[in-house]
Amino acid sequence: MPKWLKDAVFYEIYPQSFYDTNGDGIGDFNGIIEKLDYIKGLGCNALWINPCFDSPFKDAGYDVRDYKKVAPRYGTNNDLYRLFGEAHRRNMHVLLDLVPGHTSEEHVWFKMSGKAEKNEYSNRYIWTNGCFEAAYGFPYIGGECERDGVYVLNFFKSQPALNYGFYECKEPWQLPMDHPDCIATREAMKDVMRFWLDHGCDGFRVDMADSLVKNDDAAKTGTCTIWRNVREMLDTEYPEAAIISEWSNPTLALKAGFHMDFYLNRRGNGYNSLLRDYESGEDNSFFRMDGQGDITRFLRDYLPMYEATRGDGYISMFTCNHDTLRPKYSLSDRELKIAYAFLFTMPGVPFLYYGDEIGMRYQRIPTKEGGYFRTGSRTPMQWSREKDAGFSTCPPDALYLPVDTSEDAPNVASQEADEASLLHTVRELLALRHTYEDLQADADFNVIYAESGKLPCVYRRGDILIALNPSEQTVYALVDTGGRAVIYGIGEEAATENGITLAPQSCVVLK
């Protein structure tokens, strides 16, 4: 396990939208470099950068055309190498976004695979044996190449699936995992990883990590075998490199070799109940001040995963990501403060999505580069009240996506000047986490008070006690504080004698 993960807090950057230094309306690597001190000042000591490789951008870069070349819109390979170096100089780490399950249809591997004559890339992707032979059970495309066959997709039409083999072969065109050409696919992806690690990258967030082996069993035995092989390579050659999976099944992902697994926003799961439980028409998110939230819904889902994976790796929660509606969609800044107090004091390695530290809003705007509903969470970072919200100097109609032009649109400059702002609260919470080991990734977690339909929620990390009240009511719990003193609070000061009494929308941290 990389030692640096214990005290890591990640900042996710959608590079198109973070900071534009050359006035073309699109963010770039130099913009990230210019803002590294800001990010470090937040309390984030690690970055996750969304896909920045060469791409036709039919899916915002998740359709890779060349794994070893960056997209010119962001700069050059040397600019990214410089970003690694500048981050390391500040004791920060950088993860890139690895897309191992598919490429762009414009990747040279696919162009070669689609040729009629057999070559070393013929089985790099999944093809049937004839142009009228459907890949039943899988999305597929035919008639696009000279090869006599149809090819399997992973997502959009532009994203042909790479061939890691089938756990159970049911058709003549399906190859087993141990076929030399399937092993070659795995080795090619390891080669991509080595390339970036050798140039200063500190690891990878892995897109659709559970999607590699087809016809896999329920335990994803085939896919897990591949990731264990990758982990062996990392442990041997790059022991401080980290990998985090987009899987949301830590009992599989962490035992498969990932150091971290995202607890994703999925309908009905525990994480969804915290911030985004609005799909039924009524918002019963736990952190809504006027909702009917119930922390036991989260705990019923989370605790079994936490107990089953202790010692294997970390469960990672996030404020938001590029695929999820921003938390400001349903929560006010006051509510977000209590929500962030929870997220940043929980076990595992937390992730902060750019702009969530100031409460950027989800915007209902037309789709861009395959974003569809997700596009509204990918708008430019709002740095100031200046032109283009301080993101760029280009004409507004040349921006990658429109900025929030509302009179009360949040921005960094305004919140810097307001000590009561969400931005300042985020800094305080992250400073608290870095100060006390008991609030970091692997300190013990124990629920002290959590009742269905009742508040507060009280839990312990190591020797630190945290109590939260997101509601509009004053609440009380008969909890022995053990003589602990208050080291941090949000809202009115808590009473901690003979139990814990919390004012509306407040929290307290005791040590």
Protein backbone atom coordinates (compact mmCIF):
# COMPACT_ATOMS: atom_id res chain seq x y z
CA MET A 1 0.00 0.00 0.00
CA PRO A 2 1.49 3.38 -0.98
CA LYS A 3 2.22 5.18 2.31
CA TRP A 4 1.10 8.56 1.00
CA LEU A 5 -2.52 7.45 0.65
CA LYS A 6 -2.99 7.47 4.44
CA ASP A 7 -3.22 11.28 4.48
CA ALA A 8 -4.28 11.87 0.88
CA VAL A 9 -7.15 14.14 -0.13
CA PHE A 10 -7.75 14.25 -3.88
CA TYR A 11 -8.93 17.13 -6.05
CA GLU A 12 -10.59 16.00 -9.27
CA ILE A 13 -9.94 18.23 -12.29
CA TYR A 14 -11.91 18.15 -15.52
CA PRO A 15 -9.07 19.71 -17.56
CA GLN A 16 -11.26 21.30 -20.22
CA SER A 17 -12.91 23.44 -17.58
CA PHE A 18 -10.38 24.28 -14.90
CA TYR A 19 -8.22 27.21 -16.04
CA ASP A 20 -7.38 28.50 -19.53
CA THR A 21 -4.02 30.26 -19.92
CA ASN A 22 -3.89 30.72 -23.71
CA GLY A 23 -7.31 32.27 -24.31
CA ASP A 24 -8.77 29.52 -26.50
CA GLY A 25 -11.69 28.84 -24.14
CA ILE A 26 -10.41 25.44 -23.04
CA GLY A 27 -8.47 24.67 -19.86
CA ASP A 28 -4.88 23.45 -20.14
CA PHE A 29 -1.97 21.92 -18.23
CA ASN A 30 -0.36 25.31 -17.65
CA GLY A 31 -3.60 26.41 -16.04
CA ILE A 32 -3.46 23.49 -13.61
CA ILE A 33 0.16 24.32 -12.81
CA GLU A 34 -0.75 27.96 -12.10
CA LYS A 35 -3.43 26.82 -9.65
CA LEU A 36 -1.44 24.16 -7.78
CA ASP A 37 -0.84 26.49 -4.84
CA TYR A 38 -4.56 27.18 -4.63
CA ILE A 39 -5.30 23.44 -4.61
CA LYS A 40 -2.62 22.76 -2.00
CA GLY A 41 -4.01 25.66 0.04
CA LEU A 42 -7.41 23.97 0.10
CA GLY A 43 -5.83 20.99 1.81
CA CYS A 44 -5.79 18.73 -1.26
CA ASN A 45 -2.42 17.05 -1.69
CA ALA A 46 -3.26 14.87 -4.68
CA LEU A 47 -4.91 15.33 -8.09
CA TRP A 48 -7.03 13.16 -10.32
CA ILE A 49 -7.03 14.55 -13.85
CA ASN A 50 -9.80 13.34 -16.15
CA PRO A 51 -8.68 11.92 -19.53
CA CYS A 52 -6.11 14.14 -21.18
CA PHE A 53 -4.85 11.83 -23.95
CA ASP A 54 -5.19 12.43 -27.68
CA SER A 55 -8.82 11.90 -28.64
CA PRO A 56 -11.52 12.88 -31.14
CA PHE A 57 -13.56 13.79 -28.02
CA LYS A 58 -16.75 11.99 -28.89
CA ASP A 59 -16.92 11.08 -25.20
CA ALA A 60 -14.95 13.92 -23.62
CA GLY A 61 -11.65 12.05 -23.89
CA TYR A 62 -12.88 8.65 -22.74
CA ASP A 63 -12.38 7.65 -26.38
CA VAL A 64 -8.58 7.48 -26.50
CA ARG A 65 -6.85 7.75 -29.86
CA ASP A 66 -3.28 7.57 -28.54
CA TYR A 67 -2.49 6.52 -24.96
CA LYS A 68 1.03 7.95 -25.05
CA LYS A 69 0.26 11.39 -26.44
CA VAL A 70 -1.68 14.17 -24.71
CA ALA A 71 -4.46 16.04 -26.46
CA PRO A 72 -3.01 19.21 -28.05
CA ARG A 73 -5.86 21.27 -26.58
CA TYR A 74 -4.17 20.86 -23.18
CA GLY A 75 -0.56 21.33 -24.26
CA THR A 76 2.25 18.87 -24.91
CA ASN A 77 3.62 15.79 -23.24
CA ASN A 78 6.38 17.97 -21.85
CA ASP A 79 3.77 20.26 -20.28
CA LEU A 80 2.25 17.28 -18.49
CA TYR A 81 5.69 16.09 -17.37
CA ARG A 82 6.26 19.59 -15.98
CA LEU A 83 2.93 19.37 -14.15
CA PHE A 84 4.08 16.15 -12.49
CA GLY A 85 7.31 17.85 -11.42
CA GLU A 86 5.60 20.98 -10.08
CA ALA A 87 3.16 18.85 -8.11
CA HIS A 88 5.94 16.76 -6.63
CA ARG A 89 7.82 19.90 -5.67
CA ARG A 90 4.79 20.74 -3.52
CA ASN A 91 4.59 17.20 -2.08
CA MET A 92 1.50 16.49 -4.17
CA HIS A 93 0.69 13.38 -6.21
CA VAL A 94 -1.03 13.11 -9.61
CA LEU A 95 -3.26 10.33 -10.94
CA LEU A 96 -4.21 10.15 -14.60
CA ASP A 97 -7.43 8.64 -15.92
CA LEU A 98 -6.79 5.24 -17.53
CA VAL A 99 -9.40 3.85 -19.93
CA PRO A 100 -8.43 0.18 -20.34
CA GLY A 101 -11.67 -1.33 -21.62
CA HIS A 102 -11.98 0.41 -24.97
CA THR A 103 -10.35 2.94 -27.27
CA SER A 104 -11.51 5.37 -29.91
CA GLU A 105 -12.40 3.87 -33.27
CA GLU A 106 -9.62 6.15 -34.54
CA HIS A 107 -6.89 4.42 -32.52
CA VAL A 108 -4.24 2.82 -34.72
CA TRP A 109 -4.84 -0.51 -32.97
CA PHE A 110 -8.45 -0.49 -34.17
CA LYS A 111 -7.59 0.63 -37.67
CA MET A 112 -5.21 -2.31 -37.95
CA SER A 113 -7.70 -4.67 -36.32
CA GLY A 114 -10.32 -3.71 -38.89
CA LYS A 115 -8.16 -4.65 -41.86
CA ALA A 116 -9.09 -7.70 -43.93
CA GLU A 117 -5.64 -9.26 -43.72
CA LYS A 118 -4.64 -10.85 -40.42
CA ASN A 119 -2.07 -8.92 -38.34
CA GLU A 120 -0.87 -8.62 -34.74
CA TYR A 121 -3.86 -6.41 -33.86
CA SER A 122 -6.57 -8.57 -35.44
CA ASN A 123 -7.65 -9.88 -32.02
CA ARG A 124 -6.92 -6.69 -30.07
CA TYR A 125 -10.70 -6.07 -30.26
CA ILE A 126 -13.68 -8.43 -30.20
CA TRP A 127 -15.01 -9.41 -33.65
CA THR A 128 -17.45 -12.01 -34.88
CA ASN A 129 -16.50 -14.20 -37.81
CA GLY A 130 -18.78 -12.61 -40.39
CA CYS A 131 -20.32 -9.29 -41.26
CA PHE A 132 -23.82 -10.74 -40.78
CA GLU A 133 -22.95 -12.67 -37.63
CA ALA A 134 -24.35 -10.67 -34.73
CA ALA A 135 -22.53 -10.45 -31.40
CA TYR A 136 -25.66 -11.50 -29.54
CA GLY A 137 -25.69 -10.35 -25.93
CA PHE A 138 -23.38 -7.41 -26.62
CA PRO A 139 -23.76 -4.03 -28.31
CA TYR A 140 -22.04 -4.18 -31.67
CA ILE A 141 -21.42 -2.34 -34.94
CA GLY A 142 -21.03 -3.70 -38.45
CA GLY A 143 -20.26 -2.32 -41.87
CA GLU A 144 -17.63 0.16 -40.72
CA CYS A 145 -14.45 -1.73 -41.72
CA GLU A 146 -13.15 -3.90 -44.51
CA ARG A 147 -12.90 -6.84 -42.11
CA ASP A 148 -15.60 -9.49 -42.48
CA GLY A 149 -17.13 -9.25 -39.04
CA VAL A 150 -18.92 -6.99 -36.54
CA TYR A 151 -17.18 -5.56 -33.47
CA VAL A 152 -18.31 -5.31 -29.87
CA LEU A 153 -18.71 -1.95 -28.13
CA ASN A 154 -18.24 -0.98 -24.51
CA PHE A 155 -20.22 2.25 -24.54
CA PHE A 156 -20.80 4.65 -27.46
CA LYS A 157 -20.50 3.64 -31.12
CA SER A 158 -17.04 5.26 -31.15
CA GLN A 159 -15.70 3.00 -28.36
CA PRO A 160 -14.85 -0.54 -29.55
CA ALA A 161 -14.13 -2.95 -26.69
CA LEU A 162 -10.58 -4.18 -26.21
CA ASN A 163 -10.25 -7.95 -26.07
CA TYR A 164 -9.14 -9.36 -22.72
CA GLY A 165 -10.91 -12.62 -23.50
CA PHE A 166 -14.06 -14.37 -22.32
CA TYR A 167 -14.33 -16.12 -18.98
CA GLU A 168 -16.80 -18.50 -20.58
CA CYS A 169 -16.63 -18.88 -24.37
CA LYS A 170 -20.05 -19.56 -25.90
CA GLU A 171 -19.41 -18.73 -29.55
CA PRO A 172 -16.62 -19.65 -31.99
CA TRP A 173 -15.50 -16.01 -32.24
CA GLN A 174 -14.96 -15.67 -28.49
CA LEU A 175 -11.39 -16.18 -27.25
CA PRO A 176 -10.44 -17.45 -23.78
CA MET A 177 -8.53 -15.22 -21.36
CA ASP A 178 -5.34 -17.22 -21.77
CA HIS A 179 -5.24 -16.80 -25.54
CA PRO A 180 -1.92 -15.13 -26.44
CA ASP A 181 -3.70 -12.24 -28.16
CA CYS A 182 -5.82 -11.54 -25.05
CA ILE A 183 -2.73 -11.61 -22.87
CA ALA A 184 -1.13 -9.20 -25.37
CA THR A 185 -3.98 -6.72 -24.71
CA ARG A 186 -3.27 -6.83 -20.98
CA GLU A 187 0.45 -6.38 -21.54
CA ALA A 188 -0.17 -3.45 -23.89
CA MET A 189 -2.14 -1.68 -21.15
CA LYS A 190 0.63 -2.36 -18.63
CA ASP A 191 3.03 -0.82 -21.14
CA VAL A 192 0.86 2.33 -21.22
CA MET A 193 0.94 2.49 -17.43
CA ARG A 194 4.71 2.11 -17.34
CA PHE A 195 5.11 4.90 -19.89
CA TRP A 196 3.33 7.46 -17.70
CA LEU A 197 4.73 6.19 -14.41
CA ASP A 198 8.24 6.50 -15.83
CA HIS A 199 7.48 10.14 -16.71
CA GLY A 200 6.33 11.04 -13.19
CA CYS A 201 2.69 10.01 -12.93
CA ASP A 202 1.79 8.58 -9.50
CA GLY A 203 -0.93 6.17 -10.57
CA PHE A 204 -4.32 5.90 -12.23
CA ARG A 205 -8.01 6.13 -11.73
CA VAL A 206 -9.33 3.24 -13.82
CA ASP A 207 -12.45 3.79 -15.89
CA MET A 208 -15.05 0.99 -15.93
CA ALA A 209 -12.57 -1.25 -14.14
CA ASP A 210 -14.97 -4.20 -13.95
CA SER A 211 -15.64 -4.29 -17.71
CA LEU A 212 -12.59 -6.11 -19.08
CA VAL A 213 -13.38 -9.82 -19.34
CA LYS A 214 -16.64 -10.67 -21.09
CA ASN A 215 -19.08 -13.34 -19.90
CA ASP A 216 -17.39 -13.03 -16.51
CA ASP A 217 -19.01 -14.70 -13.53
CA ALA A 218 -20.78 -12.86 -10.71
CA ALA A 219 -17.54 -12.62 -8.73
CA LYS A 220 -15.79 -11.10 -11.76
CA THR A 221 -13.17 -13.81 -11.44
CA GLY A 222 -11.64 -13.16 -14.85
CA THR A 223 -11.42 -9.41 -14.51
CA CYS A 224 -10.06 -9.70 -10.97
CA THR A 225 -7.33 -12.03 -12.24
CA ILE A 226 -6.17 -9.38 -14.69
CA TRP A 227 -6.06 -6.64 -12.04
CA ARG A 228 -4.13 -8.85 -9.63
CA ASN A 229 -1.57 -9.32 -12.38
CA VAL A 230 -1.37 -5.54 -12.83
CA ARG A 231 -1.01 -5.06 -9.08
CA GLU A 232 1.89 -7.53 -9.01
CA MET A 233 3.63 -5.43 -11.64
CA LEU A 234 3.04 -2.24 -9.64
CA ASP A 235 4.19 -3.78 -6.36
CA THR A 236 7.39 -4.95 -8.01
CA GLU A 237 8.23 -1.99 -10.23
CA TYR A 238 6.32 1.01 -8.80
CA PRO A 239 5.43 0.24 -5.16
CA GLU A 240 4.34 3.83 -4.41
CA ALA A 241 2.01 4.04 -7.43
CA ALA A 242 -1.71 3.97 -6.60
CA ILE A 243 -4.74 2.73 -8.52
CA ILE A 244 -8.40 3.48 -7.81
CA SER A 245 -11.27 1.74 -9.53
CA GLU A 246 -14.55 2.93 -10.92
CA TRP A 247 -16.30 -0.17 -9.66
CA SER A 248 -18.28 0.62 -6.49
CA ASN A 249 -17.86 -2.89 -5.21
CA PRO A 250 -14.93 -2.73 -2.80
CA THR A 251 -15.32 -6.31 -1.63
CA LEU A 252 -14.32 -7.32 -5.17
CA ALA A 253 -12.20 -4.36 -6.32
CA LEU A 254 -9.91 -4.12 -3.29
CA LYS A 255 -9.30 -7.85 -3.19
CA ALA A 256 -8.55 -7.67 -6.92
CA GLY A 257 -5.60 -5.39 -6.22
CA PHE A 258 -6.94 -1.85 -6.25
CA HIS A 259 -5.75 0.38 -3.44
CA MET A 260 -9.03 2.33 -3.49
CA ASP A 261 -12.53 1.86 -4.90
CA PHE A 262 -15.06 4.63 -5.49
CA TYR A 263 -18.36 4.45 -3.62
CA LEU A 264 -20.35 5.67 -6.62
CA ASN A 265 -23.69 7.44 -6.72
CA ARG A 266 -26.09 4.65 -7.66
CA ARG A 267 -29.82 4.69 -7.15
CA GLY A 268 -30.79 3.18 -3.82
CA ASN A 269 -27.30 2.71 -2.39
CA GLY A 270 -26.00 4.26 0.82
CA TYR A 271 -24.00 7.05 -0.77
CA ASN A 272 -27.02 8.10 -2.84
CA SER A 273 -29.06 8.49 0.36
CA LEU A 274 -26.68 11.13 1.70
CA LEU A 275 -26.72 13.86 -0.95
CA ARG A 276 -28.83 12.89 -3.95
CA ASP A 277 -31.95 11.03 -2.86
CA TYR A 278 -34.25 13.12 -5.07
CA GLU A 279 -35.13 10.73 -7.87
CA SER A 280 -38.48 9.72 -6.35
CA GLY A 281 -39.76 13.29 -6.58
CA GLU A 282 -39.18 13.98 -2.89
CA ASP A 283 -35.71 14.83 -1.67
CA ASN A 284 -35.01 12.73 1.39
CA SER A 285 -31.25 13.13 1.30
CA PHE A 286 -29.82 12.78 4.80
CA PHE A 287 -28.13 16.18 4.65
CA ARG A 288 -31.26 18.07 3.61
CA MET A 289 -32.25 20.29 6.51
CA ASP A 290 -35.98 19.77 5.84
CA GLY A 291 -35.77 16.22 4.56
CA GLN A 292 -36.66 12.94 6.15
CA GLY A 293 -33.15 11.59 5.86
CA ASP A 294 -32.13 8.47 7.70
CA ILE A 295 -28.43 7.75 8.32
CA THR A 296 -29.19 4.06 8.89
CA ARG A 297 -29.90 3.73 5.16
CA PHE A 298 -26.29 4.70 4.51
CA LEU A 299 -24.91 2.53 7.30
CA ARG A 300 -26.78 -0.62 6.22
CA ASP A 301 -25.02 -0.40 2.87
CA TYR A 302 -21.65 0.98 3.95
CA LEU A 303 -20.80 -0.94 7.13
CA PRO A 304 -20.74 -4.46 5.62
CA MET A 305 -18.39 -3.22 2.87
CA TYR A 306 -16.21 -1.39 5.36
CA GLU A 307 -15.89 -4.40 7.67
CA ALA A 308 -15.26 -6.81 4.79
CA THR A 309 -12.42 -4.76 3.31
CA ARG A 310 -10.49 -3.45 6.30
CA GLY A 311 -6.85 -4.08 5.57
CA ASP A 312 -7.44 -4.59 1.84
CA GLY A 313 -7.62 -0.94 0.82
CA TYR A 314 -9.82 2.14 1.02
CA ILE A 315 -13.40 3.03 0.13
CA SER A 316 -13.41 6.49 -1.46
CA MET A 317 -16.32 8.90 -1.21
CA PHE A 318 -16.50 12.12 -3.18
CA THR A 319 -18.38 15.39 -3.14
CA CYS A 320 -19.25 14.84 -6.80
CA ASN A 321 -17.57 13.76 -10.01
CA HIS A 322 -17.81 14.51 -13.72
CA ASP A 323 -20.66 11.98 -14.13
CA THR A 324 -22.81 13.14 -11.21
CA LEU A 325 -25.05 16.14 -10.56
CA ARG A 326 -23.26 18.60 -8.30
CA PRO A 327 -24.33 18.48 -4.64
CA LYS A 328 -25.46 22.11 -4.88
CA TYR A 329 -28.31 20.78 -7.05
CA SER A 330 -30.16 19.77 -3.88
CA LEU A 331 -28.20 21.23 -0.95
CA SER A 332 -27.58 24.79 0.19
CA ASP A 333 -24.16 26.00 1.32
CA ARG A 334 -25.23 25.56 4.95
CA GLU A 335 -26.27 21.98 4.24
CA LEU A 336 -23.09 21.34 2.27
CA LYS A 337 -20.95 22.36 5.23
CA ILE A 338 -22.43 19.57 7.36
CA ALA A 339 -22.25 17.10 4.47
CA TYR A 340 -18.58 17.90 3.88
CA ALA A 341 -17.88 17.58 7.61
CA PHE A 342 -19.10 14.00 7.26
CA LEU A 343 -17.31 13.16 4.00
CA PHE A 344 -13.97 14.57 5.15
CA THR A 345 -13.98 12.83 8.55
CA MET A 346 -14.88 9.37 7.29
CA PRO A 347 -12.44 6.48 6.67
CA GLY A 348 -10.87 5.98 3.26
CA VAL A 349 -9.47 8.51 0.82
CA PRO A 350 -11.85 11.40 -0.01
CA PHE A 351 -12.19 13.24 -3.34
CA LEU A 352 -13.24 16.86 -3.85
CA TYR A 353 -14.54 17.75 -7.31
CA TYR A 354 -13.32 21.09 -8.66
CA GLY A 355 -15.78 23.86 -7.84
CA ASP A 356 -17.60 21.96 -5.10
CA GLU A 357 -15.51 23.85 -2.56
CA ILE A 358 -17.42 27.02 -3.55
CA GLY A 359 -20.76 25.33 -4.19
CA MET A 360 -20.81 25.59 -7.98
CA ARG A 361 -24.24 24.85 -9.40
CA TYR A 362 -25.36 22.18 -11.81
CA GLN A 363 -26.40 23.93 -15.03
CA ARG A 364 -29.04 22.67 -17.43
CA ILE A 365 -27.28 23.12 -20.75
CA PRO A 366 -27.05 21.25 -24.08
CA THR A 367 -24.80 18.22 -24.34
CA LYS A 368 -21.14 18.62 -25.21
CA GLU A 369 -18.72 15.89 -26.34
CA GLY A 370 -21.00 13.06 -25.27
CA GLY A 371 -21.74 14.51 -21.85
CA TYR A 372 -25.55 14.63 -22.12
CA PHE A 373 -27.02 15.23 -18.63
CA ARG A 374 -23.50 15.16 -17.17
CA THR A 375 -22.51 18.26 -19.12
CA GLY A 376 -24.06 20.54 -16.50
CA SER A 377 -21.49 19.40 -13.92
CA ARG A 378 -18.54 20.07 -16.25
CA THR A 379 -18.76 23.84 -16.67
CA PRO A 380 -15.77 26.18 -16.23
CA MET A 381 -14.38 26.83 -12.77
CA GLN A 382 -15.56 30.18 -11.38
CA TRP A 383 -12.53 32.04 -10.10
CA SER A 384 -13.84 35.61 -9.88
CA ARG A 385 -16.50 38.08 -11.04
CA GLU A 386 -14.32 39.08 -13.96
CA LYS A 387 -14.93 38.17 -17.59
CA ASP A 388 -15.65 34.46 -18.12
CA ALA A 389 -15.67 34.10 -14.31
CA GLY A 390 -11.88 34.44 -14.42
CA PHE A 391 -11.58 31.11 -16.26
CA SER A 392 -10.48 32.51 -19.64
CA THR A 393 -9.94 35.70 -21.62
CA CYS A 394 -11.74 34.46 -24.74
CA PRO A 395 -15.08 35.82 -26.02
CA PRO A 396 -17.91 34.20 -24.06
CA ASP A 397 -19.19 32.39 -27.14
CA ALA A 398 -15.79 30.69 -27.54
CA LEU A 399 -15.85 29.06 -24.08
CA TYR A 400 -15.72 25.27 -23.92
CA LEU A 401 -18.94 25.47 -21.90
CA PRO A 402 -20.81 28.52 -20.58
CA VAL A 403 -20.06 29.84 -17.11
CA ASP A 404 -22.77 30.55 -14.56
CA THR A 405 -23.72 34.19 -15.22
CA SER A 406 -26.18 34.54 -12.32
CA GLU A 407 -25.71 37.56 -10.08
CA ASP A 408 -25.08 35.27 -7.12
CA ALA A 409 -22.89 32.76 -8.94
CA PRO A 410 -20.28 31.53 -6.46
CA ASN A 411 -16.63 32.25 -7.15
CA VAL A 412 -13.31 31.82 -5.40
CA ALA A 413 -12.44 35.50 -5.01
CA SER A 414 -15.70 36.39 -3.26
CA GLN A 415 -15.51 33.43 -0.90
CA GLU A 416 -11.87 34.11 -0.09
CA ALA A 417 -13.05 37.44 1.34
CA ASP A 418 -15.84 35.85 3.41
CA GLU A 419 -14.64 33.90 6.44
CA ALA A 420 -18.08 32.30 6.78
CA SER A 421 -17.99 30.92 3.23
CA LEU A 422 -18.13 27.31 2.15
CA LEU A 423 -14.58 27.65 0.81
CA HIS A 424 -13.23 28.52 4.26
CA THR A 425 -15.15 25.61 5.82
CA VAL A 426 -13.59 23.18 3.33
CA ARG A 427 -10.13 24.48 4.21
CA GLU A 428 -10.83 24.12 7.93
CA LEU A 429 -12.12 20.59 7.56
CA LEU A 430 -9.20 19.43 5.46
CA ALA A 431 -6.71 21.09 7.80
CA LEU A 432 -8.38 19.21 10.66
CA ARG A 433 -8.06 15.92 8.79
CA HIS A 434 -4.35 16.50 8.11
CA THR A 435 -3.70 17.51 11.73
CA TYR A 436 -5.16 14.40 13.38
CA GLU A 437 -4.21 10.89 12.29
CA ASP A 438 -7.46 9.65 13.79
CA LEU A 439 -9.31 11.43 10.98
CA GLN A 440 -7.20 9.97 8.18
CA ALA A 441 -7.73 6.99 5.92
CA ASP A 442 -7.21 3.97 8.12
CA ALA A 443 -8.10 5.00 11.68
CA ASP A 444 -10.86 2.93 13.28
CA PHE A 445 -14.49 3.82 12.58
CA ASN A 446 -17.26 3.04 15.08
CA VAL A 447 -20.89 4.12 15.10
CA ILE A 448 -21.84 5.51 18.51
CA TYR A 449 -25.39 6.77 17.94
CA ALA A 450 -27.43 6.21 14.78
CA GLU A 451 -31.15 5.62 15.05
CA SER A 452 -33.71 5.44 12.27
CA GLY A 453 -35.66 8.68 12.16
CA LYS A 454 -33.59 10.27 14.91
CA LEU A 455 -30.62 12.63 15.18
CA PRO A 456 -27.82 13.35 15.81
CA CYS A 457 -25.50 10.97 14.03
CA VAL A 458 -22.48 10.26 16.24
CA TYR A 459 -19.43 8.22 15.31
CA ARG A 460 -15.87 7.78 16.47
CA ARG A 461 -12.62 7.81 14.47
CA GLY A 462 -9.87 6.47 16.69
CA ASP A 463 -10.22 8.63 19.81
CA ILE A 464 -12.07 11.48 18.05
CA LEU A 465 -15.83 11.81 18.37
CA ILE A 466 -17.89 13.48 15.61
CA ALA A 467 -21.56 14.45 15.98
CA LEU A 468 -23.72 15.83 13.14
CA ASN A 469 -27.13 17.44 13.02
CA PRO A 470 -28.24 18.40 9.49
CA SER A 471 -31.83 19.14 10.54
CA GLU A 472 -33.77 22.29 11.49
CA GLN A 473 -34.30 21.07 15.03
CA THR A 474 -32.15 21.04 18.17
CA VAL A 475 -31.27 17.42 18.92
CA TYR A 476 -29.81 15.44 21.81
CA ALA A 477 -28.13 12.08 22.26
CA LEU A 478 -27.18 10.43 25.54
CA VAL A 479 -23.55 9.81 24.58
CA ASP A 480 -20.64 9.63 26.98
CA THR A 481 -18.09 12.11 25.61
CA GLY A 482 -15.41 10.72 27.91
CA GLY A 483 -14.13 14.15 28.90
CA ARG A 484 -13.19 15.03 25.32
CA ALA A 485 -12.79 18.69 24.44
CA VAL A 486 -14.18 20.48 21.38
CA ILE A 487 -11.55 20.88 18.65
CA TYR A 488 -13.86 22.00 15.85
CA GLY A 489 -17.45 22.95 15.24
CA ILE A 490 -19.86 24.26 12.63
CA GLY A 491 -22.88 26.29 13.69
CA GLU A 492 -23.78 27.18 17.26
CA GLU A 493 -21.54 25.81 19.98
CA ALA A 494 -22.56 22.34 21.11
CA ALA A 495 -23.33 21.37 24.70
CA THR A 496 -21.28 18.30 25.59
CA GLU A 497 -22.07 17.67 29.24
CA ASN A 498 -24.40 14.80 30.08
CA GLY A 499 -24.56 13.85 26.42
CA ILE A 500 -24.40 15.91 23.24
CA THR A 501 -26.87 18.66 22.36
CA LEU A 502 -26.59 20.11 18.85
CA ALA A 503 -28.28 23.22 17.49
CA PRO A 504 -29.92 23.08 14.02
CA GLN A 505 -27.48 22.47 11.16
CA SER A 506 -24.39 22.04 13.27
CA CYS A 507 -21.64 19.60 14.00
CA VAL A 508 -18.96 19.15 16.64
CA VAL A 509 -15.64 17.32 16.71
CA LEU A 510 -14.32 16.25 20.12
CA LYS A 511 -10.95 14.90 21.22
